[in-house]
């Protein structure tokens, strides 16, 4: 319904307007009437109508003051003023306060119907655009989240597809350039926010020269391409760093018989599953395989260059159980520790 409030100290004028409007369109709803600006101010604050039609000359608070107070209050609905021929200067003053138009008394039905009809159509169009924008908001957010996921995974094909899906959403014919631009900015901000905790990468810098929407799309695509390159560079650095730190820790503490993966990762603050994938990519080995390999390399060195007993070598390499050390060593090297030492001494 299109909600209207009538403000006029002349009851016949209000009745005439009521009849003209409710007869013209069943969607026009008169939600209140007032005889002066003071009454109208409270009524408008309560009802928040789409349209106020007010006379200029009224007791207590006239139409001009009412309009000023409404705009000060932040009321952004439409206002039409009613004026007599001798009040034209007042009508001009009201127009400076954001009044959409005025009607001269005595009222002509066809002019009232035409003017209010035009405002109603504009309101309906604005409402429709708002509905379209609101309906698109959730899909745009979802598309932005999928783009963020593709960026974090450095998955170029999925990123390209999801980007095109987002831009198709925004190509809706009922959206204006400004609405498309705003939604695209919102999507870019969401992508930036979702990644900034993991990657410090540059935000989208929108061209300053008010480009056409095609140029805006191109700028957005270019930004995502740069973001993909930044993500690849910085994630690769992070992988090498995390993996290297863990490998350094293992190399320094391999003699600890209770050296667990959790203990290795504690200072790095990354998950065991994530590190497992990083280590496999870097070395082709699991944590246990890598730790065992480090221990065996040290055991071989000690067996070759020292006079330590074989069980002492095992202890220094993280195997307090000699039998376990022997089995591990033979499985990896193909010889028992004693046989390995003999061969190396020959």
Protein backbone atom coordinates (compact mmCIF):
# COMPACT_ATOMS: atom_id res chain seq x y z
CA UNK A 1 0.00 0.00 0.00
CA UNK A 2 1.05 3.60 -0.72
CA UNK A 3 0.63 5.38 2.62
CA UNK A 4 -0.50 9.03 2.53
CA UNK A 5 -1.14 11.67 5.22
CA UNK A 6 -3.27 14.75 4.53
CA UNK A 7 -2.58 18.00 6.38
CA UNK A 8 -5.04 20.88 5.97
CA UNK A 9 -7.12 22.95 8.37
CA UNK A 10 -10.02 22.90 5.88
CA UNK A 11 -12.03 19.70 6.37
CA UNK A 12 -13.66 19.95 2.92
CA UNK A 13 -10.22 20.06 1.28
CA UNK A 14 -9.16 16.92 3.16
CA UNK A 15 -12.38 15.11 2.27
CA UNK A 16 -12.00 16.08 -1.38
CA UNK A 17 -8.43 14.78 -1.50
CA UNK A 18 -9.41 11.57 0.27
CA UNK A 19 -12.15 10.87 -2.26
CA UNK A 20 -10.00 11.72 -5.30
CA UNK A 21 -7.10 9.53 -4.16
CA UNK A 22 -8.95 6.46 -2.89
CA UNK A 23 -11.06 6.44 -6.04
CA UNK A 24 -8.02 6.73 -8.30
CA UNK A 25 -6.06 3.75 -6.98
CA UNK A 26 -6.97 1.01 -4.50
CA UNK A 27 -3.36 0.92 -3.32
CA UNK A 28 -3.55 4.48 -2.00
CA UNK A 29 -4.17 4.38 1.75
CA UNK A 30 -4.93 7.52 3.78
CA UNK A 31 -3.27 6.62 7.09
CA UNK A 32 -3.95 9.91 8.87
CA UNK A 33 -5.22 13.48 8.71
CA UNK A 34 -4.11 16.58 10.63
CA UNK A 35 -5.39 20.17 10.87
CA UNK A 36 -2.04 21.85 11.57
CA UNK A 37 1.70 21.27 11.47
CA UNK A 38 2.03 20.32 15.14
CA UNK A 39 -0.54 17.53 14.85
CA UNK A 40 0.97 16.44 11.53
CA UNK A 41 4.51 16.25 12.92
CA UNK A 42 3.55 13.70 15.56
CA UNK A 43 1.36 11.77 13.14
CA UNK A 44 4.08 11.56 10.49
CA UNK A 45 6.67 10.45 13.05
CA UNK A 46 4.31 7.66 14.07
CA UNK A 47 3.07 6.52 10.65
CA UNK A 48 6.12 7.19 8.45
CA UNK A 49 4.03 7.62 5.27
CA UNK A 50 5.34 7.50 1.72
CA UNK A 51 3.66 10.84 0.90
CA UNK A 52 2.59 13.94 2.84
CA UNK A 53 0.20 16.40 1.21
CA UNK A 54 0.12 19.61 3.25
CA UNK A 55 -1.45 23.01 3.00
CA UNK A 56 0.82 26.04 3.47
CA UNK A 57 -1.45 28.31 5.52
CA UNK A 58 -2.47 26.65 8.80
CA UNK A 59 -2.72 27.75 12.44
CA UNK A 60 -0.15 26.89 15.19
CA UNK A 61 2.45 25.54 12.75
CA UNK A 62 2.20 26.33 9.04
CA UNK A 63 3.27 24.10 6.16
CA UNK A 64 6.71 25.68 5.65
CA UNK A 65 7.72 25.12 9.29
CA UNK A 66 6.30 21.59 9.17
CA UNK A 67 8.44 20.78 6.13
CA UNK A 68 11.55 22.22 7.79
CA UNK A 69 10.95 20.18 10.95
CA UNK A 70 10.33 16.99 8.98
CA UNK A 71 13.58 17.33 7.07
CA UNK A 72 15.43 18.08 10.31
CA UNK A 73 13.94 14.87 11.72
CA UNK A 74 15.31 12.95 8.75
CA UNK A 75 11.98 12.24 7.06
CA UNK A 76 12.86 11.45 3.44
CA UNK A 77 9.41 10.72 2.06
CA UNK A 78 7.72 12.78 -0.65
CA UNK A 79 5.94 16.06 0.18
CA UNK A 80 3.36 17.90 -1.94
CA UNK A 81 2.15 21.31 -0.86
CA UNK A 82 -1.24 22.90 -1.44
CA UNK A 83 -1.33 26.64 -2.05
CA UNK A 84 -3.64 29.38 -3.24
CA UNK A 85 -2.78 31.74 -6.05
CA UNK A 86 -1.65 34.41 -3.61
CA UNK A 87 0.77 32.04 -1.89
CA UNK A 88 3.02 31.31 -4.84
CA UNK A 89 6.10 32.82 -3.15
CA UNK A 90 5.56 30.48 -0.19
CA UNK A 91 5.29 27.58 -2.59
CA UNK A 92 8.64 28.50 -4.11
CA UNK A 93 10.21 28.64 -0.63
CA UNK A 94 8.82 25.18 0.14
CA UNK A 95 10.37 23.78 -3.02
CA UNK A 96 13.77 24.78 -1.69
CA UNK A 97 13.19 22.47 1.29
CA UNK A 98 12.85 19.36 -0.84
CA UNK A 99 9.16 19.50 -1.66
CA UNK A 100 8.55 17.43 -4.76
CA UNK A 101 5.76 19.59 -6.26
CA UNK A 102 2.76 21.72 -5.43
CA UNK A 103 -0.94 21.83 -6.29
CA UNK A 104 -2.98 25.00 -6.57
CA UNK A 105 -6.35 25.45 -4.93
CA UNK A 106 -9.07 24.94 -5.92
CA UNK A 107 -7.82 21.43 -6.70
CA UNK A 108 -8.28 19.90 -10.14
CA UNK A 109 -8.89 16.18 -9.90
CA UNK A 110 -6.91 15.24 -13.03
CA UNK A 111 -3.81 17.14 -11.80
CA UNK A 112 -3.98 15.49 -8.37
CA UNK A 113 -4.33 12.03 -9.91
CA UNK A 114 -1.51 12.63 -12.40
CA UNK A 115 0.97 13.99 -9.84
CA UNK A 116 0.32 11.40 -7.12
CA UNK A 117 0.31 8.64 -9.76
CA UNK A 118 3.75 9.70 -10.92
CA UNK A 119 5.09 9.61 -7.35
CA UNK A 120 3.46 6.24 -6.74
CA UNK A 121 5.09 4.77 -9.86
CA UNK A 122 8.47 6.11 -8.79
CA UNK A 123 8.04 4.65 -5.31
CA UNK A 124 7.01 1.27 -6.75
CA UNK A 125 10.06 1.28 -9.03
CA UNK A 126 12.36 2.13 -6.12
CA UNK A 127 10.77 -0.63 -4.03
CA UNK A 128 11.23 -3.13 -6.85
CA UNK A 129 14.88 -2.23 -7.22
CA UNK A 130 15.37 -2.54 -3.46
CA UNK A 131 13.74 -5.98 -3.53
CA UNK A 132 15.99 -7.09 -6.38
CA UNK A 133 19.05 -5.77 -4.54
CA UNK A 134 18.04 -7.52 -1.31
CA UNK A 135 17.35 -10.77 -3.16
CA UNK A 136 20.81 -10.57 -4.74
CA UNK A 137 22.61 -9.82 -1.48
CA UNK A 138 22.71 -13.42 -0.19
CA UNK A 139 23.87 -14.92 -3.54
CA UNK A 140 26.53 -12.19 -3.85
CA UNK A 141 27.83 -12.97 -0.34
CA UNK A 142 27.86 -16.68 -1.15
CA UNK A 143 29.73 -16.06 -4.43
CA UNK A 144 32.28 -13.86 -2.62
CA UNK A 145 32.87 -16.63 -0.07
CA UNK A 146 33.46 -19.16 -2.86
CA UNK A 147 35.90 -16.75 -4.52
CA UNK A 148 37.76 -16.42 -1.21
CA UNK A 149 37.98 -20.21 -0.94
CA UNK A 150 39.29 -20.50 -4.50
CA UNK A 151 41.87 -17.78 -3.83
CA UNK A 152 43.09 -19.44 -0.64
CA UNK A 153 43.42 -22.74 -2.53
CA UNK A 154 45.13 -20.87 -5.42
CA UNK A 155 42.68 -22.66 -7.72
CA UNK A 156 42.69 -20.53 -10.89
CA UNK A 157 39.96 -22.39 -12.88
CA UNK A 158 37.49 -22.31 -9.98
CA UNK A 159 38.37 -18.68 -9.25
CA UNK A 160 37.66 -17.72 -12.87
CA UNK A 161 34.33 -19.57 -12.90
CA UNK A 162 33.15 -18.13 -9.58
CA UNK A 163 34.16 -14.63 -10.66
CA UNK A 164 32.05 -14.92 -13.81
CA UNK A 165 29.15 -16.29 -11.75
CA UNK A 166 29.31 -13.22 -9.49
CA UNK A 167 29.45 -10.79 -12.41
CA UNK A 168 26.47 -12.50 -14.05
CA UNK A 169 24.49 -12.00 -10.86
CA UNK A 170 25.26 -8.29 -10.95
CA UNK A 171 24.25 -7.97 -14.61
CA UNK A 172 20.58 -7.97 -13.52
CA UNK A 173 18.76 -5.53 -15.79
CA UNK A 174 16.91 -3.77 -12.97
CA UNK A 175 20.08 -2.73 -11.16
CA UNK A 176 21.53 0.70 -11.80
CA UNK A 177 25.25 1.30 -12.32
CA UNK A 178 25.58 2.63 -8.76
CA UNK A 179 23.80 -0.41 -7.30
CA UNK A 180 26.01 -2.81 -9.26
CA UNK A 181 29.11 -0.91 -8.21
CA UNK A 182 28.04 -0.96 -4.53
CA UNK A 183 27.37 -4.71 -4.59
CA UNK A 184 30.71 -5.34 -6.30
CA UNK A 185 32.49 -3.20 -3.69
CA UNK A 186 30.72 -5.18 -0.95
CA UNK A 187 31.87 -8.46 -2.52
CA UNK A 188 35.47 -7.20 -2.76
CA UNK A 189 35.42 -6.10 0.89
CA UNK A 190 34.10 -9.49 1.98
CA UNK A 191 36.82 -11.30 0.01
CA UNK A 192 39.47 -9.02 1.53
CA UNK A 193 38.13 -9.53 5.06
CA UNK A 194 37.97 -13.30 4.73
CA UNK A 195 41.59 -13.52 3.63
CA UNK A 196 43.26 -10.77 5.65
CA UNK A 197 43.63 -12.93 8.78
CA UNK A 198 45.71 -15.39 6.76
CA UNK A 199 47.26 -13.17 4.09
CA UNK A 200 48.11 -9.48 4.17
CA UNK A 201 47.27 -8.60 0.58
CA UNK A 202 46.28 -5.40 -1.17
CA UNK A 203 42.61 -4.25 -1.32
CA UNK A 204 40.77 -3.45 -4.54
CA UNK A 205 41.48 0.09 -5.67
CA UNK A 206 38.50 1.25 -7.71
CA UNK A 207 39.36 3.56 -10.63
CA UNK A 208 38.84 7.21 -9.70
CA UNK A 209 37.47 8.42 -13.01
CA UNK A 210 33.94 6.95 -12.69
CA UNK A 211 34.39 4.25 -15.34
CA UNK A 212 31.61 2.43 -17.12
CA UNK A 213 30.52 -0.87 -15.61
CA UNK A 214 32.47 -2.91 -18.18
CA UNK A 215 35.67 -1.15 -17.09
CA UNK A 216 34.73 -1.78 -13.46
CA UNK A 217 34.33 -5.51 -14.17
CA UNK A 218 37.71 -5.59 -15.88
CA UNK A 219 39.33 -3.84 -12.92
CA UNK A 220 37.75 -6.37 -10.52
CA UNK A 221 39.02 -9.33 -12.59
CA UNK A 222 42.53 -7.83 -12.73
CA UNK A 223 42.49 -7.36 -8.95
CA UNK A 224 41.59 -11.01 -8.41
CA UNK A 225 44.36 -12.09 -10.76
CA UNK A 226 46.87 -10.03 -8.79
CA UNK A 227 45.42 -11.40 -5.57
CA UNK A 228 45.86 -14.95 -6.88
CA UNK A 229 49.53 -14.26 -7.65
CA UNK A 230 50.03 -12.69 -4.20
CA UNK A 231 48.34 -15.66 -2.56
CA UNK A 232 50.55 -18.14 -4.39
CA UNK A 233 53.73 -16.25 -3.47
CA UNK A 234 52.86 -15.74 0.17
CA UNK A 235 51.43 -19.20 0.77
CA UNK A 236 54.51 -20.80 -0.76
CA UNK A 237 56.72 -18.70 1.54
CA UNK A 238 54.60 -19.70 4.52
CA UNK A 239 54.84 -23.38 3.63
CA UNK A 240 58.62 -23.31 3.31
CA UNK A 241 58.87 -21.39 6.56
CA UNK A 242 56.60 -23.67 8.60
CA UNK A 243 58.07 -26.85 7.15
CA UNK A 244 61.64 -25.67 7.58
CA UNK A 245 61.07 -24.64 11.19
CA UNK A 246 59.57 -28.04 11.97
CA UNK A 247 62.40 -29.86 10.18
CA UNK A 248 64.98 -27.79 12.09
CA UNK A 249 63.28 -28.67 15.36
CA UNK A 250 63.33 -32.40 14.49
CA UNK A 251 67.02 -32.22 13.55
CA UNK A 252 67.81 -30.64 16.91
CA UNK A 253 65.63 -32.91 19.08
CA UNK A 254 65.68 -36.26 17.27
CA UNK A 255 67.31 -37.91 20.32
CA UNK A 256 64.13 -37.30 22.35
CA UNK A 257 62.48 -40.72 22.44
CA UNK A 258 59.09 -39.09 23.05
CA UNK A 259 59.35 -36.50 20.28
CA UNK A 260 55.73 -36.25 19.10
CA UNK A 261 54.37 -34.25 16.18
CA UNK A 262 52.32 -32.15 18.61
CA UNK A 263 55.55 -31.17 20.43
CA UNK A 264 57.19 -30.23 17.11
CA UNK A 265 54.24 -28.06 16.03
CA UNK A 266 53.53 -26.38 19.35
CA UNK A 267 55.63 -23.25 18.62
CA UNK A 268 54.29 -23.03 15.05
CA UNK A 269 50.58 -22.89 15.93
CA UNK A 270 49.45 -24.93 12.89
CA UNK A 271 47.33 -28.07 12.78
CA UNK A 272 48.82 -31.56 12.44
CA UNK A 273 46.70 -32.24 9.35
CA UNK A 274 47.85 -29.05 7.64
CA UNK A 275 51.51 -29.73 8.49
CA UNK A 276 51.21 -33.33 7.30
CA UNK A 277 50.25 -32.06 3.81
CA UNK A 278 53.03 -29.46 3.83
CA UNK A 279 55.68 -32.01 4.81
CA UNK A 280 54.49 -34.49 2.18
CA UNK A 281 54.70 -31.78 -0.48
CA UNK A 282 58.18 -30.72 0.67
CA UNK A 283 59.82 -34.11 1.36
CA UNK A 284 57.48 -36.85 0.13
CA UNK A 285 57.55 -38.36 3.64
CA UNK A 286 55.20 -38.54 6.59
CA UNK A 287 56.29 -37.22 9.98
CA UNK A 288 57.25 -40.69 11.29
CA UNK A 289 59.14 -41.52 8.09
CA UNK A 290 61.01 -38.20 8.19
CA UNK A 291 61.90 -38.53 11.91
CA UNK A 292 63.05 -42.12 11.41
CA UNK A 293 65.18 -41.08 8.45
CA UNK A 294 66.86 -38.32 10.49
CA UNK A 295 67.55 -40.75 13.35
CA UNK A 296 68.98 -43.41 11.03
CA UNK A 297 71.31 -40.92 9.32
CA UNK A 298 72.65 -39.88 12.71
CA UNK A 299 72.96 -43.53 13.78
CA UNK A 300 75.00 -44.32 10.65
CA UNK A 301 77.35 -41.41 11.40
CA UNK A 302 77.82 -42.48 15.01
CA UNK A 303 78.43 -46.12 14.06
CA UNK A 304 81.04 -45.04 11.54
CA UNK A 305 82.96 -42.37 13.43
CA UNK A 306 82.72 -43.28 17.13
CA UNK A 307 83.52 -46.12 19.44
CA UNK A 308 80.10 -45.97 21.12
CA UNK A 309 78.49 -49.33 21.75
CA UNK A 310 75.61 -50.03 19.39
CA UNK A 311 73.01 -49.77 22.16
CA UNK A 312 74.49 -46.34 23.13
CA UNK A 313 74.09 -45.23 19.52
CA UNK A 314 70.45 -46.27 19.70
CA UNK A 315 69.91 -44.29 22.89
CA UNK A 316 71.50 -41.16 21.42
CA UNK A 317 69.20 -41.47 18.40
CA UNK A 318 65.97 -41.70 20.39
CA UNK A 319 65.71 -45.50 20.78
CA UNK A 320 66.14 -46.48 24.44
CA UNK A 321 64.93 -50.00 23.54
CA UNK A 322 67.91 -51.63 21.79
CA UNK A 323 65.81 -54.36 20.19
CA UNK A 324 63.51 -51.75 18.64
CA UNK A 325 66.49 -49.76 17.39
CA UNK A 326 68.02 -52.84 15.77
CA UNK A 327 64.78 -53.76 13.99
CA UNK A 328 64.29 -50.20 12.71
CA UNK A 329 67.87 -49.89 11.55
CA UNK A 330 67.89 -53.23 9.70
CA UNK A 331 64.53 -52.47 8.05
CA UNK A 332 65.83 -49.18 6.65
CA UNK A 333 69.54 -49.92 6.01
CA UNK A 334 69.35 -53.64 5.26
CA UNK A 335 71.96 -54.52 7.88
CA UNK A 336 71.99 -54.72 11.65
CA UNK A 337 73.89 -51.90 13.43
CA UNK A 338 76.78 -54.28 14.21
CA UNK A 339 77.04 -55.54 10.63
CA UNK A 340 76.86 -51.99 9.30
CA UNK A 341 79.77 -50.95 11.55
CA UNK A 342 81.86 -53.93 10.47
CA UNK A 343 81.26 -53.18 6.80
CA UNK A 344 82.16 -49.50 7.25
CA UNK A 345 85.42 -50.50 9.04
CA UNK A 346 86.51 -52.83 6.25
